[in-house]
């Protein structure tokens, strides 16, 4: 049985939410009241 390549949380965030909604990491961070540096660190850490 073939297995799918694991996807990281950063990739999931980017592909499923940010790109389709046309939202940047900065805009998402501001809208959920999280420091932009934390949002960026989350995406980079998990990629």
Protein backbone atom coordinates (compact mmCIF):
# COMPACT_ATOMS: atom_id res chain seq x y z
CA UNK A 1 0.00 0.00 0.00
CA UNK A 2 1.39 3.40 -0.98
CA UNK A 3 1.73 6.01 1.74
CA UNK A 4 1.23 9.71 1.29
CA UNK A 5 4.08 12.07 2.00
CA UNK A 6 3.52 13.72 5.38
CA UNK A 7 2.54 17.38 5.23
CA UNK A 8 3.82 19.82 7.83
CA UNK A 9 1.52 22.18 9.74
CA UNK A 10 3.23 25.11 8.02
CA UNK A 11 2.44 23.67 4.59
CA UNK A 12 -1.13 22.99 5.63
CA UNK A 13 -1.57 26.54 6.88
CA UNK A 14 -0.15 27.96 3.66
CA UNK A 15 -1.92 25.70 1.15
CA UNK A 16 -5.31 25.32 2.80
CA UNK A 17 -5.86 28.75 4.33
CA UNK A 18 -3.45 31.51 3.40
CA UNK A 19 -3.25 31.02 -0.37
CA UNK A 20 -6.96 30.34 -1.02
CA UNK A 21 -8.02 33.29 1.13
CA UNK A 22 -5.32 35.56 -0.26
CA UNK A 23 -4.12 36.33 3.26
CA UNK A 24 -0.53 36.85 4.38
CA UNK A 25 0.96 35.43 7.55
CA UNK A 26 1.16 39.00 8.86
CA UNK A 27 -2.54 39.69 8.19
CA UNK A 28 -3.58 36.40 9.81
CA UNK A 29 -1.46 37.15 12.87
CA UNK A 30 -2.98 40.61 13.25
CA UNK A 31 -6.53 39.35 12.81
CA UNK A 32 -6.14 36.70 15.54
CA UNK A 33 -4.16 39.04 17.82
CA UNK A 34 -0.92 37.06 17.72
CA UNK A 35 2.50 38.66 17.21
CA UNK A 36 3.54 38.41 13.55
CA UNK A 37 6.91 37.00 14.61
CA UNK A 38 5.15 34.09 16.32
CA UNK A 39 3.08 33.30 13.22
CA UNK A 40 6.18 33.39 11.04
CA UNK A 41 8.08 31.20 13.50
CA UNK A 42 5.22 28.69 13.51
CA UNK A 43 5.20 28.42 9.72
CA UNK A 44 9.00 28.24 9.41
CA UNK A 45 9.53 25.90 12.37
CA UNK A 46 7.20 23.27 10.95
CA UNK A 47 8.40 23.40 7.33
